[in-house]
Structure formats: structure tokens, C-alpha cells
Amino acid sequence: MAKQVQMQAKTNKLNMKQVVDSVKKEMAELTSLPFNTIAGVAFDDETHAPTVTIELVERRAIPDSMDLLGIYEVITDQAGKVSTFRRVGMRKRGDAVSATEY
């Protein structure tokens, strides 16, 4: 019985595209903020639960290089549903970002 549940859990794992699509849709619904970009995806080695770093447009500006982008860390379950999210930073669209900032 335990082996069958373990095999079923392995087949229910989402691939990266499915996780990204799910997070984009769910975060738009939860926050009502427009999507800007996915900055990163990481899978936990033990649970295979994805953590996604996403940028959402928090305030539009003219020119758009002055838009304020919220940087969010989104933790999902294995089915790709958002279980936790939090804003971890903010930047102007035109600001240069180093890889260590994510």
C-alpha cells in the first residue's frame, strides 16, 4: 500500500512549465497585480515542492522603466497550488539587478 502511494506521488509531480503557469495564474487572482516575470524556480530536494520567485507590477509609471515591481517568493505544494507567498523586495523596472539579489 505504501509503495502504491509513493508511486502515485511521483507521477503527480509537476514539471517547471506547469508550476510557472499555475503560479502566474494564482498570484494574479490572489493579488490583482499584473505579472511581470518569473525570476527563478527551485524544487526542494526532499519534498519536490517548488519555490518560485516572481515579479509583479505594483505601480505603473510613465515611462514604464519607472514602474515599481514587487519581488515575491512563492512556495507551492506538489500540485502547484500556492501555499505561501511574501514580498521579499521591490525595485524600479529600469534598475539593474544582480543575480545575488534573487
Protein backbone atom coordinates (compact mmCIF):
# COMPACT_ATOMS: atom_id res chain seq x y z
CA MET A 1 0.00 0.00 0.00
CA ALA A 2 2.76 2.48 0.95
CA LYS A 3 4.61 1.64 -2.26
CA GLN A 4 1.49 2.41 -4.31
CA VAL A 5 1.05 5.81 -2.61
CA GLN A 6 4.74 6.58 -3.16
CA MET A 7 4.47 5.70 -6.87
CA GLN A 8 1.35 7.85 -7.21
CA ALA A 9 3.14 10.82 -5.58
CA LYS A 10 5.97 10.51 -8.10
CA THR A 11 3.58 10.61 -11.05
CA ASN A 12 1.76 13.69 -9.69
CA LYS A 13 4.89 15.87 -9.75
CA LEU A 14 4.53 18.90 -11.97
CA ASN A 15 7.15 19.99 -14.42
CA MET A 16 8.58 23.51 -14.34
CA LYS A 17 6.25 24.94 -17.01
CA GLN A 18 3.17 23.63 -15.18
CA VAL A 19 4.39 25.15 -11.90
CA VAL A 20 5.11 28.53 -13.54
CA ASP A 21 1.73 28.62 -15.30
CA SER A 22 -0.07 27.76 -12.06
CA VAL A 23 1.80 30.40 -10.02
CA LYS A 24 1.25 33.13 -12.62
CA LYS A 25 -2.49 32.46 -12.69
CA GLU A 26 -2.96 32.05 -8.95
CA MET A 27 -0.86 35.10 -7.97
CA ALA A 28 -2.82 37.30 -10.39
CA GLU A 29 -6.03 36.12 -8.74
CA LEU A 30 -4.71 36.50 -5.18
CA THR A 31 -3.06 39.92 -5.55
CA SER A 32 -4.82 41.54 -8.54
CA LEU A 33 -1.35 42.69 -9.63
CA PRO A 34 -0.17 42.30 -13.24
CA PHE A 35 2.53 39.72 -13.92
CA ASN A 36 5.97 40.94 -15.00
CA THR A 37 8.36 37.96 -14.98
CA ILE A 38 9.44 34.74 -13.36
CA ALA A 39 12.88 35.30 -11.85
CA GLY A 40 13.53 31.77 -10.65
CA VAL A 41 12.20 28.32 -9.81
CA ALA A 42 13.72 25.86 -7.35
CA PHE A 43 12.49 22.41 -6.31
CA ASP A 44 13.10 21.16 -2.75
CA ASP A 45 15.27 18.04 -2.90
CA GLU A 46 13.21 16.09 -0.35
CA THR A 47 9.62 17.18 -0.93
CA HIS A 48 9.96 18.30 -4.56
CA ALA A 49 7.80 21.31 -3.58
CA PRO A 50 8.58 24.26 -5.86
CA THR A 51 9.57 27.75 -4.71
CA VAL A 52 9.06 30.41 -7.38
CA THR A 53 10.46 33.95 -7.40
CA ILE A 54 8.11 36.21 -9.35
CA GLU A 55 7.91 39.92 -10.13
CA LEU A 56 4.55 41.66 -10.14
CA VAL A 57 3.85 45.24 -11.23
CA GLU A 58 2.88 47.11 -8.07
CA ARG A 59 2.65 50.60 -9.60
CA ARG A 60 2.63 51.63 -13.24
CA ALA A 61 4.53 54.78 -14.23
CA ILE A 62 5.37 56.84 -17.29
CA PRO A 63 7.87 55.99 -18.62
CA ASP A 64 7.38 52.29 -17.88
CA SER A 65 11.05 52.00 -16.90
CA MET A 66 9.94 53.68 -13.64
CA ASP A 67 7.29 51.02 -12.85
CA LEU A 68 7.61 49.61 -9.32
CA LEU A 69 7.99 45.84 -9.30
CA GLY A 70 7.37 43.73 -6.23
CA ILE A 71 9.58 40.67 -5.91
CA TYR A 72 7.70 37.76 -4.35
CA GLU A 73 8.81 34.38 -3.09
CA VAL A 74 6.00 31.91 -3.71
CA ILE A 75 6.01 28.46 -2.11
CA THR A 76 3.69 25.90 -3.63
CA ASP A 77 2.63 22.38 -2.84
CA GLN A 78 3.46 19.49 -5.17
CA ALA A 79 0.28 20.19 -7.14
CA GLY A 80 1.49 23.72 -7.91
CA LYS A 81 -1.06 25.48 -5.68
CA VAL A 82 0.24 28.50 -3.76
CA SER A 83 0.60 27.68 -0.08
CA THR A 84 2.63 30.74 1.00
CA PHE A 85 3.82 33.94 -0.59
CA ARG A 86 5.60 37.02 0.65
CA ARG A 87 7.13 40.11 -0.86
CA VAL A 88 10.89 39.92 -0.43
CA GLY A 89 11.85 43.09 -2.26
CA MET A 90 10.92 45.90 -4.57
CA ARG A 91 12.69 47.61 -7.44
CA LYS A 92 12.14 50.02 -10.32
CA ARG A 93 11.84 48.25 -13.66
CA GLY A 94 14.83 50.20 -15.01
CA ASP A 95 17.16 49.28 -12.12
CA ALA A 96 19.90 46.76 -12.78
CA VAL A 97 19.59 43.64 -10.63
CA SER A 98 22.45 41.30 -9.82
CA ALA A 99 21.91 37.55 -9.60
CA THR A 100 22.64 37.62 -5.86
CA GLU A 101 19.60 39.84 -5.23
CA TYR A 102 17.26 36.96 -6.08
